[in-house]
N, C-alpha and C. Protein backbone atom coordinates (compact mmCIF):
# COMPACT_ATOMS: atom_id res chain seq x y z
N MET A 1 46.55 80.29 72.79
CA MET A 1 47.49 79.56 73.62
C MET A 1 46.72 78.98 74.80
N ILE A 2 47.10 77.75 75.17
CA ILE A 2 46.49 77.12 76.34
C ILE A 2 47.59 76.51 77.20
N THR A 3 47.32 76.42 78.50
CA THR A 3 48.20 75.74 79.44
C THR A 3 47.36 74.69 80.14
N ARG A 4 47.81 73.46 80.06
CA ARG A 4 47.03 72.35 80.61
C ARG A 4 47.96 71.26 81.15
N LYS A 5 47.37 70.43 81.99
CA LYS A 5 48.05 69.23 82.47
C LYS A 5 47.82 68.11 81.46
N VAL A 6 48.87 67.37 81.14
CA VAL A 6 48.79 66.24 80.21
C VAL A 6 48.02 65.10 80.88
N ILE A 7 47.08 64.53 80.13
CA ILE A 7 46.27 63.42 80.64
C ILE A 7 46.60 62.15 79.86
N LYS A 8 46.18 61.03 80.40
CA LYS A 8 46.40 59.74 79.73
C LYS A 8 45.45 59.62 78.54
N GLY A 9 45.98 59.18 77.41
CA GLY A 9 45.17 58.95 76.23
C GLY A 9 44.92 57.47 76.02
N THR A 10 44.50 57.11 74.83
CA THR A 10 44.19 55.71 74.52
C THR A 10 45.41 54.93 74.06
N GLY A 11 46.50 55.61 73.71
CA GLY A 11 47.68 54.94 73.19
C GLY A 11 47.64 54.73 71.69
N ARG A 12 46.59 55.22 71.04
CA ARG A 12 46.45 55.02 69.60
C ARG A 12 47.55 55.73 68.81
N GLY A 13 47.95 56.93 69.23
CA GLY A 13 49.02 57.65 68.54
C GLY A 13 50.32 56.85 68.54
N LYS A 14 50.65 56.28 69.68
CA LYS A 14 51.86 55.47 69.77
C LYS A 14 51.74 54.25 68.86
N TYR A 15 50.58 53.63 68.85
CA TYR A 15 50.32 52.47 67.98
C TYR A 15 50.51 52.83 66.50
N LEU A 16 50.14 54.07 66.13
CA LEU A 16 50.28 54.53 64.75
C LEU A 16 51.67 55.10 64.45
N SER A 17 52.60 54.98 65.41
CA SER A 17 53.98 55.49 65.30
C SER A 17 54.07 57.00 65.42
N PHE A 18 53.05 57.64 65.97
CA PHE A 18 53.04 59.07 66.25
C PHE A 18 52.56 59.29 67.67
N PRO A 19 53.43 59.00 68.67
CA PRO A 19 52.98 59.16 70.06
C PRO A 19 52.53 60.60 70.32
N THR A 20 51.52 60.74 71.15
CA THR A 20 50.97 62.06 71.43
C THR A 20 50.89 62.32 72.92
N VAL A 21 50.88 63.60 73.26
CA VAL A 21 50.44 64.03 74.59
C VAL A 21 49.00 64.46 74.41
N ASN A 22 48.21 64.21 75.40
CA ASN A 22 46.77 64.47 75.31
C ASN A 22 46.36 65.49 76.36
N LEU A 23 45.52 66.41 75.91
CA LEU A 23 44.99 67.45 76.79
C LEU A 23 43.48 67.43 76.74
N ARG A 24 42.87 67.81 77.84
CA ARG A 24 41.41 67.91 77.86
C ARG A 24 40.96 69.06 76.98
N TYR A 25 39.87 68.83 76.26
CA TYR A 25 39.24 69.88 75.46
C TYR A 25 38.02 70.37 76.24
N PHE A 26 37.89 71.68 76.35
CA PHE A 26 36.75 72.27 77.03
C PHE A 26 35.89 73.01 76.02
N LYS A 27 34.59 73.03 76.25
CA LYS A 27 33.66 73.72 75.35
C LYS A 27 34.00 75.19 75.22
N THR A 28 34.66 75.76 76.21
CA THR A 28 35.03 77.18 76.17
C THR A 28 36.29 77.44 75.34
N ASP A 29 36.98 76.38 74.93
CA ASP A 29 38.17 76.56 74.07
C ASP A 29 37.73 77.14 72.74
N LYS A 30 38.47 78.07 72.25
CA LYS A 30 38.15 78.72 70.97
C LYS A 30 39.14 78.26 69.90
N ILE A 31 39.35 76.96 69.84
CA ILE A 31 40.32 76.38 68.90
C ILE A 31 39.54 75.66 67.80
N LYS A 32 39.77 76.07 66.57
CA LYS A 32 39.10 75.45 65.43
C LYS A 32 39.49 73.97 65.32
N PHE A 33 38.50 73.11 65.12
CA PHE A 33 38.76 71.68 64.97
C PHE A 33 39.59 71.42 63.71
N GLY A 34 40.56 70.54 63.82
CA GLY A 34 41.41 70.16 62.71
C GLY A 34 42.86 70.01 63.15
N VAL A 35 43.76 70.11 62.18
CA VAL A 35 45.20 69.91 62.41
C VAL A 35 45.91 71.25 62.42
N TRP A 36 46.81 71.41 63.40
CA TRP A 36 47.54 72.65 63.61
C TRP A 36 49.04 72.42 63.72
N ALA A 37 49.82 73.40 63.29
CA ALA A 37 51.24 73.47 63.65
C ALA A 37 51.27 74.17 65.01
N VAL A 38 52.03 73.61 65.95
CA VAL A 38 52.06 74.17 67.30
C VAL A 38 53.49 74.28 67.82
N LEU A 39 53.63 75.10 68.84
CA LEU A 39 54.85 75.14 69.65
C LEU A 39 54.43 74.71 71.05
N VAL A 40 55.16 73.76 71.61
CA VAL A 40 54.87 73.27 72.95
C VAL A 40 55.99 73.72 73.87
N GLN A 41 55.61 74.36 74.96
CA GLN A 41 56.61 74.80 75.92
C GLN A 41 56.54 73.90 77.15
N TYR A 42 57.70 73.37 77.51
CA TYR A 42 57.82 72.54 78.71
C TYR A 42 59.16 72.86 79.36
N LYS A 43 59.12 73.27 80.61
CA LYS A 43 60.34 73.61 81.36
C LYS A 43 61.24 74.58 80.60
N ASP A 44 60.69 75.68 80.18
CA ASP A 44 61.45 76.76 79.52
C ASP A 44 62.07 76.39 78.18
N LYS A 45 61.67 75.28 77.59
CA LYS A 45 62.11 74.92 76.24
C LYS A 45 60.89 74.81 75.35
N GLU A 46 61.08 75.12 74.06
CA GLU A 46 59.99 75.03 73.11
C GLU A 46 60.30 73.94 72.08
N TYR A 47 59.24 73.23 71.71
CA TYR A 47 59.34 72.13 70.76
C TYR A 47 58.26 72.30 69.70
N LYS A 48 58.61 72.03 68.44
CA LYS A 48 57.61 72.04 67.38
C LYS A 48 56.77 70.78 67.46
N GLY A 49 55.54 70.90 67.01
CA GLY A 49 54.68 69.73 67.00
C GLY A 49 53.49 69.90 66.07
N ALA A 50 52.73 68.83 65.97
CA ALA A 50 51.49 68.82 65.20
C ALA A 50 50.37 68.46 66.17
N ALA A 51 49.30 69.24 66.14
CA ALA A 51 48.17 69.00 67.04
C ALA A 51 46.92 68.67 66.25
N PHE A 52 46.13 67.79 66.83
CA PHE A 52 44.81 67.51 66.30
C PHE A 52 43.81 67.92 67.38
N VAL A 53 42.81 68.69 66.97
CA VAL A 53 41.78 69.16 67.90
C VAL A 53 40.42 68.73 67.36
N GLY A 54 39.63 68.08 68.21
CA GLY A 54 38.27 67.74 67.81
C GLY A 54 37.95 66.28 67.99
N PRO A 55 36.75 65.88 67.53
CA PRO A 55 36.37 64.46 67.53
C PRO A 55 37.24 63.72 66.50
N VAL A 56 37.33 62.40 66.64
CA VAL A 56 38.19 61.60 65.76
C VAL A 56 37.29 60.71 64.90
N PRO A 57 36.89 61.19 63.72
CA PRO A 57 35.92 60.44 62.92
C PRO A 57 36.43 59.09 62.42
N THR A 58 37.72 58.95 62.16
CA THR A 58 38.25 57.68 61.66
C THR A 58 38.01 56.54 62.65
N PHE A 59 38.03 56.87 63.94
CA PHE A 59 37.83 55.85 64.97
C PHE A 59 36.49 56.01 65.70
N ASN A 60 35.59 56.78 65.09
CA ASN A 60 34.24 56.99 65.62
C ASN A 60 34.22 57.51 67.06
N ILE A 61 35.16 58.40 67.37
CA ILE A 61 35.21 59.03 68.69
C ILE A 61 34.56 60.40 68.57
N LYS A 62 33.47 60.60 69.29
CA LYS A 62 32.68 61.81 69.14
C LYS A 62 33.07 62.92 70.13
N THR A 63 33.75 62.55 71.22
CA THR A 63 34.16 63.54 72.22
C THR A 63 35.39 64.29 71.73
N PRO A 64 35.33 65.62 71.64
CA PRO A 64 36.51 66.38 71.20
C PRO A 64 37.70 66.18 72.14
N ARG A 65 38.86 66.22 71.55
CA ARG A 65 40.10 66.05 72.30
C ARG A 65 41.19 66.90 71.68
N ILE A 66 42.29 67.02 72.39
CA ILE A 66 43.49 67.68 71.87
C ILE A 66 44.63 66.67 71.98
N GLU A 67 45.20 66.31 70.84
CA GLU A 67 46.30 65.36 70.79
C GLU A 67 47.47 66.04 70.09
N ILE A 68 48.65 65.96 70.70
CA ILE A 68 49.81 66.67 70.14
C ILE A 68 50.98 65.71 69.99
N HIS A 69 51.49 65.62 68.76
CA HIS A 69 52.72 64.87 68.50
C HIS A 69 53.85 65.89 68.54
N ILE A 70 54.75 65.73 69.51
CA ILE A 70 55.88 66.66 69.67
C ILE A 70 57.08 66.06 68.95
N PHE A 71 57.66 66.82 68.03
CA PHE A 71 58.78 66.31 67.23
C PHE A 71 60.03 66.15 68.09
N ASN A 72 60.73 65.03 67.87
CA ASN A 72 62.01 64.77 68.55
C ASN A 72 61.91 64.90 70.06
N PHE A 73 60.89 64.28 70.63
CA PHE A 73 60.64 64.39 72.06
C PHE A 73 60.17 63.03 72.56
N SER A 74 60.76 62.56 73.66
CA SER A 74 60.38 61.23 74.15
C SER A 74 60.14 61.18 75.66
N LYS A 75 60.10 62.33 76.32
CA LYS A 75 59.87 62.33 77.77
C LYS A 75 58.42 62.01 78.09
N ASN A 76 58.21 61.42 79.24
CA ASN A 76 56.87 61.15 79.73
C ASN A 76 56.34 62.42 80.39
N LEU A 77 55.25 62.96 79.87
CA LEU A 77 54.70 64.21 80.39
C LEU A 77 53.38 64.02 81.15
N TYR A 78 52.99 62.79 81.45
CA TYR A 78 51.73 62.58 82.16
C TYR A 78 51.71 63.39 83.45
N ASN A 79 50.62 64.10 83.64
CA ASN A 79 50.38 64.95 84.82
C ASN A 79 51.29 66.17 84.91
N LYS A 80 52.03 66.46 83.85
CA LYS A 80 52.86 67.67 83.81
C LYS A 80 52.10 68.75 83.06
N LYS A 81 52.37 70.01 83.41
CA LYS A 81 51.73 71.12 82.69
C LYS A 81 52.60 71.52 81.51
N ILE A 82 51.92 71.74 80.39
CA ILE A 82 52.60 72.26 79.20
C ILE A 82 51.81 73.45 78.68
N ARG A 83 52.47 74.27 77.92
CA ARG A 83 51.81 75.40 77.26
C ARG A 83 51.88 75.15 75.76
N VAL A 84 50.75 75.32 75.09
CA VAL A 84 50.67 75.06 73.65
C VAL A 84 50.24 76.33 72.94
N ARG A 85 51.05 76.73 71.96
CA ARG A 85 50.72 77.88 71.13
C ARG A 85 50.33 77.36 69.75
N PHE A 86 49.11 77.66 69.34
CA PHE A 86 48.60 77.22 68.04
C PHE A 86 49.04 78.23 66.99
N LEU A 87 49.93 77.81 66.09
CA LEU A 87 50.57 78.72 65.16
C LEU A 87 49.84 78.84 63.82
N LYS A 88 49.56 77.70 63.21
CA LYS A 88 48.98 77.73 61.87
C LYS A 88 48.02 76.56 61.69
N TYR A 89 46.84 76.89 61.19
CA TYR A 89 45.83 75.88 60.90
C TYR A 89 46.18 75.24 59.56
N LEU A 90 46.28 73.90 59.54
CA LEU A 90 46.67 73.19 58.32
C LEU A 90 45.47 72.64 57.54
N ARG A 91 44.53 72.02 58.24
CA ARG A 91 43.41 71.40 57.53
C ARG A 91 42.32 71.00 58.52
N PRO A 92 41.11 70.82 58.00
CA PRO A 92 40.02 70.34 58.86
C PRO A 92 40.17 68.84 59.14
N ALA A 93 39.46 68.40 60.15
CA ALA A 93 39.40 66.96 60.45
C ALA A 93 38.63 66.26 59.35
N LYS A 94 38.99 65.01 59.11
CA LYS A 94 38.24 64.23 58.13
C LYS A 94 38.32 62.76 58.51
N LYS A 95 37.40 61.99 57.99
CA LYS A 95 37.39 60.55 58.25
C LYS A 95 38.20 59.86 57.16
N PHE A 96 39.15 59.03 57.57
CA PHE A 96 39.97 58.26 56.65
C PHE A 96 39.43 56.84 56.56
N LYS A 97 39.64 56.21 55.40
CA LYS A 97 39.04 54.88 55.20
C LYS A 97 39.69 53.80 56.04
N ASN A 98 40.95 54.03 56.46
CA ASN A 98 41.63 53.05 57.31
C ASN A 98 42.81 53.73 58.01
N PRO A 99 43.38 53.08 59.04
CA PRO A 99 44.50 53.68 59.77
C PRO A 99 45.71 53.97 58.89
N GLN A 100 45.97 53.14 57.88
CA GLN A 100 47.14 53.35 57.01
C GLN A 100 47.01 54.67 56.24
N THR A 101 45.82 54.97 55.77
CA THR A 101 45.59 56.23 55.05
C THR A 101 45.77 57.41 56.00
N LEU A 102 45.30 57.26 57.23
CA LEU A 102 45.48 58.30 58.24
C LEU A 102 46.97 58.54 58.51
N VAL A 103 47.74 57.47 58.64
CA VAL A 103 49.18 57.60 58.89
C VAL A 103 49.87 58.35 57.76
N ARG A 104 49.51 58.05 56.51
CA ARG A 104 50.09 58.78 55.37
C ARG A 104 49.80 60.28 55.48
N GLN A 105 48.56 60.62 55.88
CA GLN A 105 48.20 62.04 56.00
C GLN A 105 48.94 62.70 57.17
N ILE A 106 49.09 61.97 58.27
CA ILE A 106 49.84 62.52 59.41
C ILE A 106 51.27 62.83 59.00
N LYS A 107 51.89 61.92 58.23
CA LYS A 107 53.27 62.16 57.74
C LYS A 107 53.33 63.42 56.89
N GLU A 108 52.35 63.60 56.01
CA GLU A 108 52.30 64.81 55.18
C GLU A 108 52.15 66.05 56.03
N ASP A 109 51.26 65.99 57.00
CA ASP A 109 51.04 67.14 57.89
C ASP A 109 52.33 67.49 58.64
N CYS A 110 53.00 66.49 59.18
CA CYS A 110 54.25 66.73 59.92
C CYS A 110 55.32 67.30 59.02
N ASN A 111 55.43 66.80 57.81
CA ASN A 111 56.42 67.32 56.87
C ASN A 111 56.17 68.78 56.55
N LYS A 112 54.91 69.17 56.38
CA LYS A 112 54.58 70.57 56.13
C LYS A 112 55.04 71.45 57.28
N ILE A 113 54.89 70.98 58.49
CA ILE A 113 55.29 71.76 59.66
C ILE A 113 56.80 71.84 59.77
N LEU A 114 57.48 70.72 59.54
CA LEU A 114 58.92 70.67 59.71
C LEU A 114 59.69 71.50 58.69
N ILE A 115 59.15 71.64 57.46
CA ILE A 115 59.90 72.41 56.45
C ILE A 115 59.66 73.91 56.55
N LYS A 116 58.84 74.34 57.46
CA LYS A 116 58.59 75.78 57.63
C LYS A 116 59.55 76.37 58.61
């Protein structure tokens, strides 16, 4: 579990129709790189989500990051603190041949989380 302040991202998640909240990744974090089912706590409420941790090979981004798509959530959380509980590891990070292929995989990942 981590508690962090939400930082501004690149906007790529929103562009791909999966808006994300972004958190700084620290070398001391003990979170395996890849896709996770998560619970996000904000103001005493919990929300299911999908998190990606690590570098983003599809877009040639080498700096690790934490990006979280929170299901059924549309509030602006910039500069707000959230708590994230990493529940289940779904898959490792991989490079996709194009953004459309990545979007199909994100939909699959989200569906796996939502039906549990």
